[in-house]
Amino acid sequence: MVAAVFVLALAGCGGEEGGADKPGKASTAPPASGEDNKQQDTAAGEPRDSNAKLAVLKGSGAMEYTVTSAVRDTGGFVTVTGQMKNTGTEDFYQVPSWRGNEKEILAGSGDAVSGGTLVDQAGKKRYYVLRDTEGRCLCTTGISKVEAGASVPVFMQFPAPPEGTDQVDLTIPTFDTVAIKISG
C-alpha cells in the first residue's frame, strides 16, 4: 500500500507547473557530501546504488536510457528506474514517440514513457506500463524535450512476472531491447 501511494505521488509530480524542476531539464545538484551514492529504495526497502548500470538502451536521436534498478516490490509490481540522457549536440523533441498507442494512455498521460514493456521470454508474456483509474500511466510524465547533454530521471511501473522470473527484456519505443535482471 505504501509503495502504491509512493508511485502515485511520483506520477503526480511529472510536469506540474511551479515545481523546482521544469520538465525536460536535468537536475545538476551533486550527491550530498559524505554519502556513498546509495539511496533507500522505498519500494523494496533495500539500499541501491544510484550509479549502478543494469543496462543501457540506445535510442533514436542520440538518446540513451541507463537502467539503474528493476525492483520487484511486495505489491506485485516491478519498478524500473534510470536516467534518460541526450548524448547529442541538439535538443531532443521526439518524446511523444515513447508513448504507447492505447487510447487511454494517449488521452491521460501526455508526453510520457508509457510505451515501455517488459517481456518474459520463458513465460511468453508481455507486461505493459500500469495505468491508474483515470488512464494515466504509472511512469514519468511531462517530458517535452531533453536538452543536449542533459539527463532526466525516468521510471516505469509494470505488473510483476511470476515469482522466480528474474530476467526480462525491456523495450521502449525507438530504443533497442535489452535484457535486465529484476531484484527483490
C-alpha atoms as a PDB file:
ATOM      1  CA  MET A   1       0.000   0.000   0.000  1.00  0.00           C
ATOM      2  CA  VAL A   2       2.808   2.418   0.924  1.00  0.00           C
ATOM      3  CA  ALA A   3       4.594   1.607  -2.351  1.00  0.00           C
ATOM      4  CA  ALA A   4       1.435   2.303  -4.356  1.00  0.00           C
ATOM      5  CA  VAL A   5       0.984   5.687  -2.657  1.00  0.00           C
ATOM      6  CA  PHE A   6       4.642   6.500  -3.315  1.00  0.00           C
ATOM      7  CA  VAL A   7       4.338   5.611  -7.005  1.00  0.00           C
ATOM      8  CA  LEU A   8       1.143   7.624  -7.398  1.00  0.00           C
ATOM      9  CA  ALA A   9       2.822  10.586  -5.726  1.00  0.00           C
ATOM     10  CA  LEU A  10       5.727  10.304  -8.168  1.00  0.00           C
ATOM     11  CA  ALA A  11       3.371  10.042 -11.133  1.00  0.00           C
ATOM     12  CA  GLY A  12       1.583  13.188  -9.994  1.00  0.00           C
ATOM     13  CA  CYS A  13       4.862  15.122  -9.834  1.00  0.00           C
ATOM     14  CA  GLY A  14       5.692  14.816 -13.526  1.00  0.00           C
ATOM     15  CA  GLY A  15       5.272  18.076 -15.402  1.00  0.00           C
ATOM     16  CA  GLU A  16       3.372  20.245 -12.918  1.00  0.00           C
ATOM     17  CA  GLU A  17       3.978  23.970 -13.230  1.00  0.00           C
ATOM     18  CA  GLY A  18       5.540  25.769 -10.307  1.00  0.00           C
ATOM     19  CA  GLY A  19       7.848  22.948  -9.257  1.00  0.00           C
ATOM     20  CA  ALA A  20      11.560  23.446  -8.725  1.00  0.00           C
ATOM     21  CA  ASP A  21      12.417  21.346 -11.757  1.00  0.00           C
ATOM     22  CA  LYS A  22      10.990  22.020 -15.193  1.00  0.00           C
ATOM     23  CA  PRO A  23      10.045  19.119 -17.479  1.00  0.00           C
ATOM     24  CA  GLY A  24      12.895  18.097 -19.718  1.00  0.00           C
ATOM     25  CA  LYS A  25      15.503  19.803 -17.535  1.00  0.00           C
ATOM     26  CA  ALA A  26      18.219  17.827 -15.845  1.00  0.00           C
ATOM     27  CA  SER A  27      18.961  18.223 -12.193  1.00  0.00           C
ATOM     28  CA  THR A  28      22.507  19.421 -11.737  1.00  0.00           C
ATOM     29  CA  ALA A  29      22.589  19.003  -7.964  1.00  0.00           C
ATOM     30  CA  PRO A  30      25.549  16.870  -6.885  1.00  0.00           C
ATOM     31  CA  PRO A  31      25.029  13.993  -4.461  1.00  0.00           C
ATOM     32  CA  ALA A  32      25.041  15.006  -0.814  1.00  0.00           C
ATOM     33  CA  SER A  33      28.568  15.068   0.573  1.00  0.00           C
ATOM     34  CA  GLY A  34      29.616  12.218   2.805  1.00  0.00           C
ATOM     35  CA  GLU A  35      27.215   9.795   1.141  1.00  0.00           C
ATOM     36  CA  ASP A  36      28.260   6.830  -0.960  1.00  0.00           C
ATOM     37  CA  ASN A  37      25.527   7.443  -3.574  1.00  0.00           C
ATOM     38  CA  LYS A  38      23.332   4.692  -2.132  1.00  0.00           C
ATOM     39  CA  GLN A  39      19.696   5.614  -1.698  1.00  0.00           C
ATOM     40  CA  GLN A  40      16.969   3.837   0.226  1.00  0.00           C
ATOM     41  CA  ASP A  41      14.675   2.202  -2.302  1.00  0.00           C
ATOM     42  CA  THR A  42      11.273   2.691  -0.703  1.00  0.00           C
ATOM     43  CA  ALA A  43       9.610   0.129  -2.970  1.00  0.00           C
ATOM     44  CA  ALA A  44      11.892  -2.737  -1.985  1.00  0.00           C
ATOM     45  CA  GLY A  45      13.293  -1.473   1.309  1.00  0.00           C
ATOM     46  CA  GLU A  46      16.845  -2.152   0.166  1.00  0.00           C
ATOM     47  CA  PRO A  47      19.656   0.314  -0.497  1.00  0.00           C
ATOM     48  CA  ARG A  48      20.509   0.769  -4.154  1.00  0.00           C
ATOM     49  CA  ASP A  49      23.440   2.363  -5.887  1.00  0.00           C
ATOM     50  CA  SER A  50      22.239   5.331  -7.951  1.00  0.00           C
ATOM     51  CA  ASN A  51      25.347   4.984 -10.142  1.00  0.00           C
ATOM     52  CA  ALA A  52      24.699   1.304 -10.950  1.00  0.00           C
ATOM     53  CA  LYS A  53      24.075   0.392 -14.577  1.00  0.00           C
ATOM     54  CA  LEU A  54      21.952  -2.683 -15.206  1.00  0.00           C
ATOM     55  CA  ALA A  55      21.669  -1.911 -18.906  1.00  0.00           C
ATOM     56  CA  VAL A  56      21.898   0.895 -21.443  1.00  0.00           C
ATOM     57  CA  LEU A  57      19.281   1.157 -24.197  1.00  0.00           C
ATOM     58  CA  LYS A  58      20.340   3.098 -27.299  1.00  0.00           C
ATOM     59  CA  GLY A  59      17.585   5.116 -28.936  1.00  0.00           C
ATOM     60  CA  SER A  60      16.988   7.462 -31.825  1.00  0.00           C
ATOM     61  CA  GLY A  61      18.353  10.998 -31.827  1.00  0.00           C
ATOM     62  CA  ALA A  62      21.398  10.239 -29.624  1.00  0.00           C
ATOM     63  CA  MET A  63      19.169   9.240 -26.703  1.00  0.00           C
ATOM     64  CA  GLU A  64      20.251   6.642 -24.134  1.00  0.00           C
ATOM     65  CA  TYR A  65      18.292   5.152 -21.236  1.00  0.00           C
ATOM     66  CA  THR A  66      20.513   3.829 -18.457  1.00  0.00           C
ATOM     67  CA  VAL A  67      18.611   1.413 -16.217  1.00  0.00           C
ATOM     68  CA  THR A  68      19.798   1.760 -12.614  1.00  0.00           C
ATOM     69  CA  SER A  69      17.269  -0.557 -10.950  1.00  0.00           C
ATOM     70  CA  ALA A  70      14.489  -3.024 -11.691  1.00  0.00           C
ATOM     71  CA  VAL A  71      12.895  -3.908  -8.373  1.00  0.00           C
ATOM     72  CA  ARG A  72      10.066  -6.306  -7.574  1.00  0.00           C
ATOM     73  CA  ASP A  73       8.085  -4.960  -4.636  1.00  0.00           C
ATOM     74  CA  THR A  74       5.665  -6.683  -2.297  1.00  0.00           C
ATOM     75  CA  GLY A  75       2.617  -5.172  -4.007  1.00  0.00           C
ATOM     76  CA  GLY A  76       3.115  -7.293  -7.142  1.00  0.00           C
ATOM     77  CA  PHE A  77       4.845  -4.611  -9.215  1.00  0.00           C
ATOM     78  CA  VAL A  78       8.210  -4.139 -10.880  1.00  0.00           C
ATOM     79  CA  THR A  79       9.537  -0.592 -10.911  1.00  0.00           C
ATOM     80  CA  VAL A  80      12.238   0.200 -13.469  1.00  0.00           C
ATOM     81  CA  THR A  81      14.215   3.396 -12.832  1.00  0.00           C
ATOM     82  CA  GLY A  82      17.051   5.111 -14.612  1.00  0.00           C
ATOM     83  CA  GLN A  83      18.277   8.164 -16.479  1.00  0.00           C
ATOM     84  CA  MET A  84      17.271   9.257 -19.971  1.00  0.00           C
ATOM     85  CA  LYS A  85      20.244  11.125 -21.449  1.00  0.00           C
ATOM     86  CA  ASN A  86      20.618  13.136 -24.630  1.00  0.00           C
ATOM     87  CA  THR A  87      24.196  12.405 -25.707  1.00  0.00           C
ATOM     88  CA  GLY A  88      23.824  14.582 -28.794  1.00  0.00           C
ATOM     89  CA  THR A  89      24.515  18.238 -29.523  1.00  0.00           C
ATOM     90  CA  GLU A  90      20.904  19.215 -30.291  1.00  0.00           C
ATOM     91  CA  ASP A  91      17.785  19.221 -28.110  1.00  0.00           C
ATOM     92  CA  PHE A  92      15.549  16.146 -28.476  1.00  0.00           C
ATOM     93  CA  TYR A  93      11.832  16.837 -29.097  1.00  0.00           C
ATOM     94  CA  GLN A  94      10.558  13.402 -30.201  1.00  0.00           C
ATOM     95  CA  VAL A  95       9.387  12.412 -26.701  1.00  0.00           C
ATOM     96  CA  PRO A  96       5.856  11.533 -27.963  1.00  0.00           C
ATOM     97  CA  SER A  97       7.421   8.557 -29.777  1.00  0.00           C
ATOM     98  CA  TRP A  98       7.974   6.959 -26.333  1.00  0.00           C
ATOM     99  CA  ARG A  99       4.234   6.759 -25.585  1.00  0.00           C
ATOM    100  CA  GLY A 100       2.070   3.730 -26.007  1.00  0.00           C
ATOM    101  CA  ASN A 101      -0.678   3.869 -28.598  1.00  0.00           C
ATOM    102  CA  GLU A 102      -3.579   2.881 -26.341  1.00  0.00           C
ATOM    103  CA  LYS A 103      -6.401   5.438 -26.384  1.00  0.00           C
ATOM    104  CA  GLU A 104      -6.466   5.873 -22.582  1.00  0.00           C
ATOM    105  CA  ILE A 105      -2.705   6.395 -22.399  1.00  0.00           C
ATOM    106  CA  LEU A 106      -2.735   8.980 -25.188  1.00  0.00           C
ATOM    107  CA  ALA A 107      -5.562  10.917 -23.539  1.00  0.00           C
ATOM    108  CA  GLY A 108      -4.375  10.697 -19.943  1.00  0.00           C
ATOM    109  CA  SER A 109      -0.586  10.754 -19.871  1.00  0.00           C
ATOM    110  CA  GLY A 110       0.568  13.320 -22.423  1.00  0.00           C
ATOM    111  CA  ASP A 111       4.297  13.250 -23.073  1.00  0.00           C
ATOM    112  CA  ALA A 112       5.324  10.167 -21.141  1.00  0.00           C
ATOM    113  CA  VAL A 113       7.391   6.997 -21.283  1.00  0.00           C
ATOM    114  CA  SER A 114       4.176   4.971 -21.347  1.00  0.00           C
ATOM    115  CA  GLY A 115       5.129   2.722 -24.265  1.00  0.00           C
ATOM    116  CA  GLY A 116       7.637   0.671 -22.304  1.00  0.00           C
ATOM    117  CA  THR A 117       7.121  -3.083 -21.977  1.00  0.00           C
ATOM    118  CA  LEU A 118       8.708  -5.977 -20.127  1.00  0.00           C
ATOM    119  CA  VAL A 119       8.779  -9.323 -21.917  1.00  0.00           C
ATOM    120  CA  ASP A 120       9.117 -12.602 -20.054  1.00  0.00           C
ATOM    121  CA  GLN A 121      10.546 -14.816 -22.811  1.00  0.00           C
ATOM    122  CA  ALA A 122      10.300 -18.005 -20.749  1.00  0.00           C
ATOM    123  CA  GLY A 123       6.679 -17.378 -19.726  1.00  0.00           C
ATOM    124  CA  LYS A 124       5.814 -15.946 -23.148  1.00  0.00           C
ATOM    125  CA  LYS A 125       4.130 -12.846 -21.673  1.00  0.00           C
ATOM    126  CA  ARG A 126       4.386  -9.117 -22.296  1.00  0.00           C
ATOM    127  CA  TYR A 127       3.785  -6.627 -19.478  1.00  0.00           C
ATOM    128  CA  TYR A 128       2.728  -3.047 -20.246  1.00  0.00           C
ATOM    129  CA  VAL A 129       3.236   0.070 -18.105  1.00  0.00           C
ATOM    130  CA  LEU A 130       0.494   0.210 -15.480  1.00  0.00           C
ATOM    131  CA  ARG A 131      -2.239   2.853 -15.508  1.00  0.00           C
ATOM    132  CA  ASP A 132      -4.224   4.448 -12.706  1.00  0.00           C
ATOM    133  CA  THR A 133      -8.037   4.526 -12.682  1.00  0.00           C
ATOM    134  CA  GLU A 134      -8.047   7.677 -14.831  1.00  0.00           C
ATOM    135  CA  GLY A 135      -5.893   6.130 -17.566  1.00  0.00           C
ATOM    136  CA  ARG A 136      -2.645   7.904 -16.612  1.00  0.00           C
ATOM    137  CA  CYS A 137       0.481   5.796 -16.768  1.00  0.00           C
ATOM    138  CA  LEU A 138       2.476   4.909 -13.685  1.00  0.00           C
ATOM    139  CA  CYS A 139       5.581   6.298 -15.314  1.00  0.00           C
ATOM    140  CA  THR A 140       7.437   9.545 -15.800  1.00  0.00           C
ATOM    141  CA  THR A 141       5.276  12.180 -17.493  1.00  0.00           C
ATOM    142  CA  GLY A 142       5.683  15.797 -18.527  1.00  0.00           C
ATOM    143  CA  ILE A 143       8.894  15.496 -20.518  1.00  0.00           C
ATOM    144  CA  SER A 144       8.509  17.786 -23.514  1.00  0.00           C
ATOM    145  CA  LYS A 145      12.156  17.762 -24.552  1.00  0.00           C
ATOM    146  CA  VAL A 146      15.568  16.642 -23.399  1.00  0.00           C
ATOM    147  CA  GLU A 147      18.210  19.286 -23.883  1.00  0.00           C
ATOM    148  CA  ALA A 148      21.546  18.429 -25.482  1.00  0.00           C
ATOM    149  CA  GLY A 149      23.833  16.844 -22.892  1.00  0.00           C
ATOM    150  CA  ALA A 150      21.064  16.730 -20.250  1.00  0.00           C
ATOM    151  CA  SER A 151      19.663  13.781 -18.308  1.00  0.00           C
ATOM    152  CA  VAL A 152      16.220  13.308 -16.798  1.00  0.00           C
ATOM    153  CA  PRO A 153      15.181  10.646 -14.293  1.00  0.00           C
ATOM    154  CA  VAL A 154      12.665   8.173 -15.714  1.00  0.00           C
ATOM    155  CA  PHE A 155      10.656   5.421 -14.043  1.00  0.00           C
ATOM    156  CA  MET A 156       8.078   2.927 -15.293  1.00  0.00           C
ATOM    157  CA  GLN A 157       5.986   0.540 -13.205  1.00  0.00           C
ATOM    158  CA  PHE A 158       4.790  -2.822 -14.524  1.00  0.00           C
ATOM    159  CA  PRO A 159       2.864  -5.818 -13.195  1.00  0.00           C
ATOM    160  CA  ALA A 160       5.397  -8.281 -11.810  1.00  0.00           C
ATOM    161  CA  PRO A 161       6.080 -11.512 -13.662  1.00  0.00           C
ATOM    162  CA  PRO A 162       5.661 -14.713 -11.603  1.00  0.00           C
ATOM    163  CA  GLU A 163       7.983 -15.303  -8.656  1.00  0.00           C
ATOM    164  CA  GLY A 164      11.169 -16.942  -9.867  1.00  0.00           C
ATOM    165  CA  THR A 165      11.225 -14.933 -13.099  1.00  0.00           C
ATOM    166  CA  ASP A 166      14.125 -12.554 -12.650  1.00  0.00           C
ATOM    167  CA  GLN A 167      15.227 -11.977 -16.261  1.00  0.00           C
ATOM    168  CA  VAL A 168      13.061  -9.922 -18.657  1.00  0.00           C
ATOM    169  CA  ASP A 169      13.543  -7.892 -21.810  1.00  0.00           C
ATOM    170  CA  LEU A 170      12.889  -4.135 -21.519  1.00  0.00           C
ATOM    171  CA  THR A 171      11.626  -2.319 -24.584  1.00  0.00           C
ATOM    172  CA  ILE A 172      10.861   1.382 -25.076  1.00  0.00           C
ATOM    173  CA  PRO A 173       9.619   2.593 -28.487  1.00  0.00           C
ATOM    174  CA  THR A 174      12.536   3.785 -30.701  1.00  0.00           C
ATOM    175  CA  PHE A 175      15.110   2.113 -28.381  1.00  0.00           C
ATOM    176  CA  ASP A 176      16.993  -1.190 -28.535  1.00  0.00           C
ATOM    177  CA  THR A 177      15.607  -4.067 -26.494  1.00  0.00           C
ATOM    178  CA  VAL A 178      17.835  -5.232 -23.634  1.00  0.00           C
ATOM    179  CA  ALA A 179      17.690  -7.967 -21.017  1.00  0.00           C
ATOM    180  CA  ILE A 180      17.546  -6.774 -17.411  1.00  0.00           C
ATOM    181  CA  LYS A 181      17.608  -8.616 -14.092  1.00  0.00           C
ATOM    182  CA  ILE A 182      14.834  -7.980 -11.565  1.00  0.00           C
ATOM    183  CA  SER A 183      15.878  -7.768  -7.914  1.00  0.00           C
ATOM    184  CA  GLY A 184      13.713  -8.154  -4.841  1.00  0.00           C
END
